[in-house]
Amino acid sequence: MYAEHLRIMKVLMGMEQEHKVTEDAGRAAEQDAAAQRHAAEEKYEEAVAGLVEMEERAVMAESMLEATFQYHKAQPSPRYVLSYEHTVVKI
């Protein structure tokens, strides 16, 4: 009877140890997943910030291009140029 009791105790202790190992592995997997999720969120935020910056630059470039276009549109086209002898020559 005593030997059978010891065998049952060993089996139960082994099962308890396996359960602990399983729980530890589950916690480690959850922590790893949380770390990966955090890293992915950081990369996403960096990408969004980069896109916002690029969009702002594009808007600024479009504004500058439009201003340049309007400036040149408002300028009279040159009909006369100064020659090397400083005399006006009609084109």
Protein backbone atom coordinates (compact mmCIF):
# COMPACT_ATOMS: atom_id res chain seq x y z
CA MET A 1 0.00 0.00 0.00
CA TYR A 2 2.81 2.38 0.90
CA ALA A 3 4.61 1.79 -2.45
CA GLU A 4 1.42 2.46 -4.37
CA HIS A 5 0.90 5.64 -2.42
CA LEU A 6 4.45 6.78 -3.31
CA ARG A 7 3.86 6.03 -7.02
CA ILE A 8 0.67 8.10 -6.99
CA MET A 9 2.49 10.94 -5.23
CA LYS A 10 5.29 10.85 -7.84
CA VAL A 11 2.76 10.92 -10.66
CA LEU A 12 0.91 13.84 -9.07
CA MET A 13 4.18 15.72 -8.47
CA GLY A 14 5.19 15.14 -12.10
CA MET A 15 1.82 16.40 -13.30
CA GLU A 16 2.16 19.46 -11.07
CA GLN A 17 5.64 20.16 -12.47
CA GLU A 18 4.39 19.81 -16.07
CA HIS A 19 1.53 22.17 -15.27
CA LYS A 20 3.98 24.73 -13.87
CA VAL A 21 6.21 24.45 -16.94
CA THR A 22 3.16 24.90 -19.18
CA GLU A 23 2.03 27.98 -17.24
CA ASP A 24 5.54 29.47 -17.36
CA ALA A 25 5.71 28.89 -21.12
CA GLY A 26 2.30 30.51 -21.53
CA ARG A 27 3.39 33.58 -19.56
CA ALA A 28 6.59 33.83 -21.58
CA ALA A 29 4.62 33.58 -24.83
CA GLU A 30 2.21 36.30 -23.65
CA GLN A 31 5.12 38.58 -22.73
CA ASP A 32 6.79 37.94 -26.09
CA ALA A 33 3.55 38.67 -27.93
CA ALA A 34 3.10 41.90 -25.95
CA ALA A 35 6.67 42.98 -26.78
CA GLN A 36 6.14 42.22 -30.48
CA ARG A 37 2.83 44.09 -30.44
CA HIS A 38 4.52 47.09 -28.81
CA ALA A 39 7.34 47.06 -31.38
CA ALA A 40 4.82 46.84 -34.22
CA GLU A 41 2.83 49.75 -32.78
CA GLU A 42 6.00 51.85 -32.57
CA LYS A 43 6.90 51.05 -36.18
CA TYR A 44 3.34 51.90 -37.27
CA GLU A 45 3.46 55.23 -35.43
CA GLU A 46 6.84 56.04 -37.00
CA ALA A 47 5.49 55.18 -40.45
CA VAL A 48 2.40 57.35 -39.96
CA ALA A 49 4.56 60.23 -38.71
CA GLY A 50 6.77 59.85 -41.79
CA LEU A 51 3.74 59.91 -44.06
CA VAL A 52 2.40 63.04 -42.36
CA GLU A 53 5.78 64.72 -42.79
CA MET A 54 5.94 63.73 -46.48
CA GLU A 55 2.40 65.02 -47.02
CA GLU A 56 3.30 68.35 -45.38
CA ARG A 57 6.36 68.63 -47.63
CA ALA A 58 4.28 67.82 -50.70
CA VAL A 59 1.74 70.50 -49.78
CA MET A 60 4.56 73.00 -49.25
CA ALA A 61 6.15 72.07 -52.58
CA GLU A 62 2.81 72.42 -54.36
CA SER A 63 2.29 75.84 -52.76
CA MET A 64 5.77 76.97 -53.78
CA LEU A 65 5.23 75.69 -57.32
CA GLU A 66 1.89 77.47 -57.58
CA ALA A 67 3.42 80.70 -56.21
CA THR A 68 6.27 80.46 -58.72
CA PHE A 69 3.81 79.82 -61.54
CA GLN A 70 1.68 82.81 -60.51
CA TYR A 71 4.78 85.01 -60.23
CA HIS A 72 6.00 84.11 -63.71
CA LYS A 73 2.51 84.44 -65.11
CA ALA A 74 2.30 88.00 -63.73
CA GLN A 75 5.69 89.00 -65.16
CA PRO A 76 5.63 90.68 -68.58
CA SER A 77 7.46 88.71 -71.21
CA PRO A 78 10.72 90.40 -72.18
CA ARG A 79 10.45 92.03 -75.61
CA TYR A 80 13.75 93.82 -75.47
CA VAL A 81 17.18 92.73 -74.31
CA LEU A 82 20.36 94.61 -73.65
CA SER A 83 23.14 93.73 -76.09
CA TYR A 84 26.81 93.55 -75.25
CA GLU A 85 27.31 97.14 -76.42
CA HIS A 86 24.51 98.28 -74.08
CA THR A 87 22.18 99.10 -76.89
CA VAL A 88 18.60 97.95 -76.88
CA VAL A 89 17.79 95.36 -79.51
CA LYS A 90 14.23 94.30 -80.32
CA ILE A 91 13.68 90.56 -80.34
